Every structure is written in structure tokens, then in C-alpha cells.
Amino acid sequence: MHIPPYDNDNRALVDVDDSCVPLVYFNIVKLTRGESFDYRLEDFETCVVPATGSVEVVLNKQAFGPVGRRTIDVWDEEPEGLYVPTNTPARLTCVSDRAEVFVAGAKYAETLKPFVVMSSDIDQVQYGSDDTKTHRKIKHILGKEHAGQVGRLLVSELYTVGAGGWSGFPSHKHDEDRLPSETHHDEAYNFRFRPSSGSGLQMLQRIDNEPGDAYHIVDGSTVLIDKGYHPCCALPGYQMYYFTILAGESQRPLVQYFQPTHADQVETIPGIKDMVAKFA
């Protein structure tokens, strides 16, 4: 499902119990200096990640931050984030001229402990190559290293390296719980392009070797992935970024199932096995 960019007025783009991806929550909150936003999600753990700007966050009268170092766009600096436990009241207050804040969530019943992810804590992996048109960098905000601190939520930022090229290839899916081959994780993306006039394509192929869906993605597009194989690409001459939320149904580690038609290409893409291991 594709949600074109629009002014959501700080209301969730993907609310609790969404019909497409019920395990995921996603909001984009825009504030100016001194403005605040309050939320509390009874059944969802969340991660607050400023796309740009800085916020201070108060959880149950405990203050965190400022969180966020970027001033221009998502290419400007390394990301930072704050883990907000399930059923915890949160107040975000903008301490920069303005802020655009991603609030990413996964359904999870247990209430854990909050923590800040500083820019120095980000776990990065770069893989692929220019020759295979798959060169990209992943910055894990809530990744493998947070096992035991987080319930079902994985949060990352993905960047094409260079201009143009494919991401999420070889095509894979994660819509069934059938270990050890695959896990069920709902997923949501929010895309950005540099320059912002750029665009790309999100494919969603439900069944191997049968035609699927394709969405024209632009700067600010949100895509929901409930089922099927889902590679995406950017137009030549443009850099692409997407904020990624993964929410597991029965476990946090992600097990991807590569599309049989293209699975042999795993052996042709440098570093892809290391990338896969970072989600496990």
C-alpha cells in the first residue's frame, strides 16, 4: 500500500491496529521551537527519531535529550533516537528552530526500560556494489545489539550509495512465521530523495513469477509492506533514503526468505550475508 505525502497534522499515518500492517505504528510529528506533542500507546513500544531538528523527551517525569543532530535533511548527520516503552506517556518538545520527528512503533505488551541511542551508538553496515546496482548503507538505530532491551521493534535508515540503483534485492519477503526459513514481520517505509525532485519505484510481488503491484514513490512517500517480495529502486541521478520500521509477530529477529527465482544472486552481491545477519 502506498500513502502519498500529505500534511498529516501530527496524526498517525499508520495508526494502531492498521488494517494492512496491524503490528506497526508510524507518525511524523512536525514542531517549531517550544512546541510540544504528547502521546501514549497502550499496546505499542516506540522509537523517537528526529529526521531533522532536536527534541527533548519527558517520559513519566524523566527527561531525556536533546535527541537529534541533523539540521538540513536526513543526509546531514548521523541519526539519534529514544526508545519509549509500551504504555508510557511521552512528551516531545522542540528545542531547535523546527523539528520533523519520526515515531516508529511495534505491537508489544510488556513495558521495558527507556534508553537513548546516540549517534556514536549507531550500527552501520555497507554492502553491494556499483557493478551490481545494489550499493547501499544501512544505519541501525534499534538493531541486533539491542536484543533484550526491545520487544519486537527494529528501526533502521537505509541509503543508496551513489545515485540510482536497487535496494532490497534479491527480492525477499517476511510474511509467514515458519522458522527456520522465515518470520512474520510487518514493515513500513518513509522515503526521501536528494534532490527532493527525485523519485523511484516500489515493487510488491505477492507470488513468485506472477505480476504484482508497483508504486511510484516520491519524496515523503510512505509504503506499507504486509505480504510479498518488495525490492525498490531510485531513478538514475538521485540518492534515495528510507526510514524502515519492522515489527515482529512472534520474535524480534528477522528471517528473510529470498524469492526462489532470484535467490542465487545472493552469491553475487558483496557483503549481503553480513547485512542479513545484522537483522537476525
Protein backbone atom coordinates (compact mmCIF):
# COMPACT_ATOMS: atom_id res chain seq x y z
CA MET A 1 0.00 0.00 0.00
CA HIS A 2 1.29 3.46 -0.92
CA ILE A 3 0.43 6.56 1.13
CA PRO A 4 1.39 9.68 -0.88
CA PRO A 5 2.91 12.57 1.12
CA TYR A 6 0.41 14.89 2.78
CA ASP A 7 0.13 17.17 5.80
CA ASN A 8 -0.86 14.67 8.49
CA ASP A 9 -1.16 17.43 11.15
CA ASN A 10 0.78 15.25 13.62
CA ARG A 11 -1.79 12.45 13.34
CA ALA A 12 -0.55 8.91 12.79
CA LEU A 13 -0.03 7.85 9.19
CA VAL A 14 -0.23 4.24 10.38
CA ASP A 15 -2.36 4.06 13.50
CA VAL A 16 -2.74 1.21 15.98
CA ASP A 17 -4.49 -1.87 14.53
CA ASP A 18 -4.00 -0.71 10.96
CA SER A 19 -5.85 -2.98 8.51
CA CYS A 20 -2.75 -3.51 6.35
CA VAL A 21 0.09 -3.70 8.90
CA PRO A 22 -1.53 -4.16 12.34
CA LEU A 23 1.83 -4.74 14.06
CA VAL A 24 3.23 -1.31 13.02
CA TYR A 25 2.66 2.26 14.22
CA PHE A 26 4.08 5.29 12.40
CA ASN A 27 3.68 9.03 12.90
CA ILE A 28 5.51 12.09 11.58
CA VAL A 29 5.44 14.95 14.08
CA LYS A 30 6.38 18.48 13.00
CA LEU A 31 7.11 21.10 15.65
CA THR A 32 8.61 24.57 15.95
CA ARG A 33 10.74 25.79 18.85
CA GLY A 34 8.93 25.44 22.17
CA GLU A 35 6.01 23.40 20.78
CA SER A 36 5.23 20.03 22.36
CA PHE A 37 3.49 16.84 21.30
CA ASP A 38 2.12 14.24 23.73
CA TYR A 39 1.32 10.60 23.08
CA ARG A 40 0.82 7.32 24.89
CA LEU A 41 0.33 3.96 23.17
CA GLU A 42 -1.11 1.29 25.40
CA ASP A 43 -0.01 -1.72 23.33
CA PHE A 44 2.94 -0.39 21.30
CA GLU A 45 6.60 0.24 22.07
CA THR A 46 8.03 3.13 20.05
CA CYS A 47 11.25 4.81 18.97
CA VAL A 48 11.51 8.59 18.54
CA VAL A 49 13.91 9.53 15.71
CA PRO A 50 14.27 13.15 14.56
CA ALA A 51 14.57 13.34 10.78
CA THR A 52 15.73 16.91 11.32
CA GLY A 53 15.92 19.13 14.38
CA SER A 54 16.21 18.30 18.07
CA VAL A 55 13.69 17.40 20.75
CA GLU A 56 13.73 16.89 24.47
CA VAL A 57 11.57 13.99 25.63
CA VAL A 58 9.94 13.53 29.03
CA LEU A 59 8.77 10.03 29.99
CA ASN A 60 6.97 9.74 33.32
CA LYS A 61 8.67 12.96 34.50
CA GLN A 62 12.11 11.65 33.46
CA ALA A 63 13.82 13.92 30.91
CA PHE A 64 15.94 12.70 28.00
CA GLY A 65 17.87 14.57 25.36
CA PRO A 66 18.18 16.69 23.44
CA VAL A 67 17.86 13.98 20.79
CA GLY A 68 18.67 14.75 17.15
CA ARG A 69 21.67 16.36 15.42
CA ARG A 70 20.51 16.95 11.86
CA THR A 71 19.59 20.42 10.65
CA ILE A 72 19.26 20.23 6.85
CA ASP A 73 17.99 16.77 5.87
CA VAL A 74 18.50 13.07 6.62
CA TRP A 75 21.91 13.15 4.87
CA ASP A 76 23.17 15.91 7.17
CA GLU A 77 24.36 13.97 10.25
CA GLU A 78 24.13 10.58 11.92
CA PRO A 79 20.71 9.71 13.40
CA GLU A 80 19.81 9.55 17.08
CA GLY A 81 16.81 8.01 18.80
CA LEU A 82 15.00 7.30 22.04
CA TYR A 83 13.28 4.03 22.91
CA VAL A 84 9.87 4.65 24.54
CA PRO A 85 8.41 1.62 26.33
CA THR A 86 4.86 0.36 25.88
CA ASN A 87 2.10 2.27 27.71
CA THR A 88 4.45 5.11 28.69
CA PRO A 89 3.33 8.76 28.42
CA ALA A 90 5.75 10.76 26.27
CA ARG A 91 6.06 14.49 25.67
CA LEU A 92 8.26 15.69 22.81
CA THR A 93 9.36 19.36 22.96
CA CYS A 94 11.19 21.03 20.09
CA VAL A 95 14.44 22.71 21.18
CA SER A 96 15.62 23.71 17.68
CA ASP A 97 14.04 26.20 15.30
CA ARG A 98 11.92 23.37 13.93
CA ALA A 99 11.88 19.59 14.02
CA GLU A 100 10.43 16.75 11.98
CA VAL A 101 10.26 13.62 14.10
CA PHE A 102 9.57 10.02 13.15
CA VAL A 103 7.71 7.97 15.78
CA ALA A 104 8.07 4.28 14.92
CA GLY A 105 6.23 1.56 16.81
CA ALA A 106 5.66 -2.17 17.11
CA LYS A 107 2.92 -4.00 18.95
CA TYR A 108 4.29 -5.35 22.22
CA ALA A 109 2.55 -5.93 25.55
CA GLU A 110 5.43 -5.78 28.04
CA THR A 111 6.77 -2.46 29.39
CA LEU A 112 10.58 -2.33 29.31
CA LYS A 113 13.03 0.48 30.18
CA PRO A 114 13.71 3.60 28.07
CA PHE A 115 17.14 4.40 26.67
CA VAL A 116 18.77 6.88 24.30
CA VAL A 117 20.60 5.85 21.12
CA MET A 118 23.31 8.43 20.46
CA SER A 119 24.93 8.97 17.07
CA SER A 120 28.02 7.13 18.32
CA ASP A 121 25.85 4.07 19.07
CA ILE A 122 24.57 3.63 15.51
CA ASP A 123 25.48 0.26 13.98
CA GLN A 124 26.35 0.71 10.30
CA VAL A 125 26.77 -1.78 7.50
CA GLN A 126 27.53 -1.12 3.84
CA TYR A 127 27.13 -3.73 1.15
CA GLY A 128 26.52 -4.30 -2.55
CA SER A 129 28.44 -2.75 -5.42
CA ASP A 130 28.14 -0.25 -8.23
CA ASP A 131 28.54 -3.10 -10.72
CA THR A 132 25.51 -4.97 -9.38
CA LYS A 133 23.49 -1.71 -8.97
CA THR A 134 22.88 -2.68 -5.30
CA HIS A 135 25.27 -0.39 -3.39
CA ARG A 136 23.70 0.86 -0.14
CA LYS A 137 24.36 1.72 3.50
CA ILE A 138 22.19 0.77 6.48
CA LYS A 139 22.24 2.61 9.81
CA HIS A 140 20.64 0.50 12.55
CA ILE A 141 19.08 2.65 15.27
CA LEU A 142 17.36 -0.22 17.08
CA GLY A 143 19.22 -3.23 15.76
CA LYS A 144 20.67 -6.56 16.76
CA GLU A 145 22.80 -5.03 19.51
CA HIS A 146 19.64 -4.05 21.45
CA ALA A 147 18.49 -7.64 21.98
CA GLY A 148 16.89 -7.91 25.40
CA GLN A 149 16.20 -4.17 25.62
CA VAL A 150 13.45 -4.06 22.99
CA GLY A 151 10.46 -6.32 22.43
CA ARG A 152 9.54 -6.64 18.73
CA LEU A 153 10.76 -3.39 17.12
CA LEU A 154 13.58 -2.94 14.57
CA VAL A 155 14.32 0.59 13.29
CA SER A 156 16.86 1.46 10.59
CA GLU A 157 17.73 4.07 8.00
CA LEU A 158 18.72 2.87 4.52
CA TYR A 159 20.63 4.90 1.92
CA THR A 160 21.51 4.23 -1.67
CA VAL A 161 25.24 4.77 -2.17
CA GLY A 162 25.74 6.91 -5.24
CA ALA A 163 22.84 7.96 -7.45
CA GLY A 164 20.24 5.47 -8.61
CA GLY A 165 20.21 1.70 -8.13
CA TRP A 166 18.25 -1.03 -6.42
CA SER A 167 17.59 -1.79 -2.76
CA GLY A 168 16.05 -4.86 -1.16
CA PHE A 169 17.40 -7.15 -3.87
CA PRO A 170 17.48 -10.11 -4.26
CA SER A 171 13.77 -9.82 -3.62
CA HIS A 172 12.70 -11.22 -0.26
CA LYS A 173 9.64 -11.49 1.94
CA HIS A 174 8.84 -11.98 5.63
CA ASP A 175 5.09 -12.53 5.91
CA GLU A 176 4.90 -16.02 7.43
CA ASP A 177 6.09 -17.46 10.73
CA ARG A 178 7.77 -20.69 9.59
CA LEU A 179 11.12 -20.92 11.27
CA PRO A 180 13.89 -21.50 10.43
CA SER A 181 13.05 -20.27 6.91
CA GLU A 182 11.09 -17.07 7.60
CA THR A 183 9.47 -14.85 10.22
CA HIS A 184 6.35 -12.68 10.05
CA HIS A 185 7.33 -9.01 10.28
CA ASP A 186 5.06 -6.18 9.17
CA GLU A 187 7.03 -3.31 7.65
CA ALA A 188 6.67 0.39 6.81
CA TYR A 189 8.95 2.75 4.88
CA ASN A 190 9.14 6.52 4.55
CA PHE A 191 11.15 7.69 1.54
CA ARG A 192 13.26 10.79 0.90
CA PHE A 193 15.21 11.77 -2.22
CA ARG A 194 18.14 14.08 -2.86
CA PRO A 195 17.44 16.31 -4.71
CA SER A 196 13.86 16.23 -3.45
CA SER A 197 12.53 16.24 -7.01
CA GLY A 198 13.76 12.64 -7.33
CA SER A 199 11.54 9.60 -7.28
CA GLY A 200 11.64 5.84 -7.59
CA LEU A 201 9.70 2.60 -7.73
CA GLN A 202 8.49 0.23 -5.02
CA MET A 203 7.60 -3.24 -6.25
CA LEU A 204 5.37 -5.67 -4.38
CA GLN A 205 5.18 -9.12 -5.94
CA ARG A 206 2.77 -11.32 -4.00
CA ILE A 207 3.56 -14.63 -5.72
CA ASP A 208 6.84 -15.76 -7.29
CA ASN A 209 6.80 -15.36 -11.08
CA GLU A 210 3.39 -13.71 -11.20
CA PRO A 211 2.81 -9.98 -11.89
CA GLY A 212 2.45 -7.84 -8.79
CA ASP A 213 2.00 -4.19 -7.87
CA ALA A 214 4.30 -1.21 -8.40
CA TYR A 215 4.10 2.20 -6.72
CA HIS A 216 5.63 5.46 -7.90
CA ILE A 217 7.36 6.73 -4.75
CA VAL A 218 8.30 10.39 -4.27
CA ASP A 219 9.90 12.47 -1.53
CA GLY A 220 7.76 11.80 1.58
CA SER A 221 6.02 8.65 0.32
CA THR A 222 5.09 6.02 2.90
CA VAL A 223 4.81 2.37 1.83
CA LEU A 224 3.29 -0.45 3.89
CA ILE A 225 4.53 -3.99 3.32
CA ASP A 226 2.16 -6.68 4.53
CA LYS A 227 2.89 -9.55 2.15
CA GLY A 228 5.13 -10.37 -0.79
CA TYR A 229 8.56 -9.71 -2.27
CA HIS A 230 9.42 -6.00 -2.18
CA PRO A 231 12.52 -4.53 -3.87
CA CYS A 232 12.69 -0.80 -4.65
CA CYS A 233 14.86 1.48 -6.77
CA ALA A 234 15.75 5.13 -7.34
CA LEU A 235 15.93 6.97 -10.64
CA PRO A 236 19.44 7.47 -12.04
CA GLY A 237 20.97 10.70 -10.79
CA TYR A 238 19.13 10.72 -7.43
CA GLN A 239 20.03 9.49 -3.96
CA MET A 240 17.35 7.61 -2.04
CA TYR A 241 16.78 7.21 1.70
CA TYR A 242 14.11 5.29 3.53
CA PHE A 243 13.23 5.10 7.19
CA THR A 244 12.40 1.48 7.98
CA ILE A 245 10.13 0.05 10.68
CA LEU A 246 9.95 -3.72 11.21
CA ALA A 247 7.56 -5.23 13.74
CA GLY A 248 7.75 -8.95 14.51
CA GLU A 249 4.70 -11.01 15.33
CA SER A 250 6.36 -13.70 17.47
CA GLN A 251 10.00 -12.59 17.77
CA ARG A 252 12.24 -9.58 17.13
CA PRO A 253 14.98 -11.15 14.95
CA LEU A 254 14.09 -11.00 11.25
CA VAL A 255 14.48 -14.02 8.99
CA GLN A 256 14.12 -13.08 5.32
CA TYR A 257 13.01 -15.57 2.69
CA PHE A 258 14.62 -14.82 -0.67
CA GLN A 259 12.49 -15.18 -3.77
CA PRO A 260 13.40 -18.54 -5.33
CA THR A 261 13.66 -17.08 -8.84
CA HIS A 262 16.41 -14.65 -7.76
CA ALA A 263 17.88 -16.34 -4.66
CA ASP A 264 21.08 -17.41 -6.43
CA GLN A 265 22.03 -13.73 -6.81
CA VAL A 266 22.75 -13.61 -3.07
CA GLU A 267 26.12 -15.08 -4.07
CA THR A 268 26.84 -12.20 -6.49
CA ILE A 269 26.31 -9.21 -4.17
CA PRO A 270 29.29 -8.32 -1.94
CA GLY A 271 28.54 -8.18 1.79
CA ILE A 272 24.86 -9.12 1.59
CA LYS A 273 25.20 -12.02 4.03
CA ASP A 274 26.70 -9.67 6.62
CA MET A 275 23.73 -7.34 6.06
CA VAL A 276 21.23 -10.17 6.59
CA ALA A 277 23.00 -11.19 9.80
CA LYS A 278 22.53 -7.69 11.27
CA PHE A 279 18.75 -8.23 11.33
CA ALA A 280 18.92 -11.71 12.87
